[in-house]
Amino acid sequence: MTAPFSPASLGAFPRLDVTTPLILALPKGRILSECGALLARAGVVPAPDYADEDSRRLRFPTDNPLLDVVRVRPFDVATFVAFGAAHIGICGADVLMEFDYPEVYAPLDLGIGKCRVSVAEPAETAGTDDPSRWSQVRVASKYPNIARRHYASRGIHAEVVHLNGAMELAPGLGLCRVIVDLVQTGSTLKANGLVETEVIADVTSRLIVNRTALKTQPEAVGAWIARFRAALEG
């Protein structure tokens, strides 16, 4: 168990050198709830409704006038940071793998949001055909780049049907042979007659920063990296 992060110790961090707030992009949903304790240990105290999914606000002040928080879809965090709309973010490694933005630097593994990107298929067909003999396969996924790279590395052409949800329905309705999706417990796969046949990558959430912001505001951005690092080590 990590020790509580004392606000009194925040004086040890470098002073921020900006006069307008930096923007921290946070993902809606499960990871947002998981990162609450980490944010507190890092000294980030957003307005109370930042964690309220019913709140219509998307940008929230914090108790630090030099940091604001924005709440966006998990898949959009990396895009906000890559294009400089946010300076810092918390983002799943799956999103970083999918988009592979060169403008994004991920200095810290936060160890939260643990899950995996996996291949799954109907239980009745799993194991009946050797995938190493496939020349092509139709895949449903919200990760078209990950899926294509995964199968291309094995010399298999992947025709990807890009879906944003209800992936588990696709094989049973004849839309695809397999799916590539994010799996946490596997219960949704099981409930829909699918089995996990291969793990492509284990996933945790990362602290990410915009490379240009890190170069142009090294003290300000570096101070927040230091805060999160201390929160992990505390």
Foldseek 3Di string as FASTA:
>chain_A
DDDAQDPVVLVVFFDFDDDAAAEEEEEADDVVVVCPSLCVNLVWAWDPCCNPPPDPDQKTCTPDRRYIYGYDHQLCNVVCQQVVVHFKYKHKVLSCVLPVRPQKDFPWFLQAPKWFWFKKFAPVCPPVDDPLPAQEWEEEECRVPLVQVVVVVSNHGYNYDYDDDPRLVCRVVPNTGMYTYIGHPCPVNVVSRMDTDGTSGIMGMTMMGGNVCCVVRVSNVVSSVVSSVVSSVD
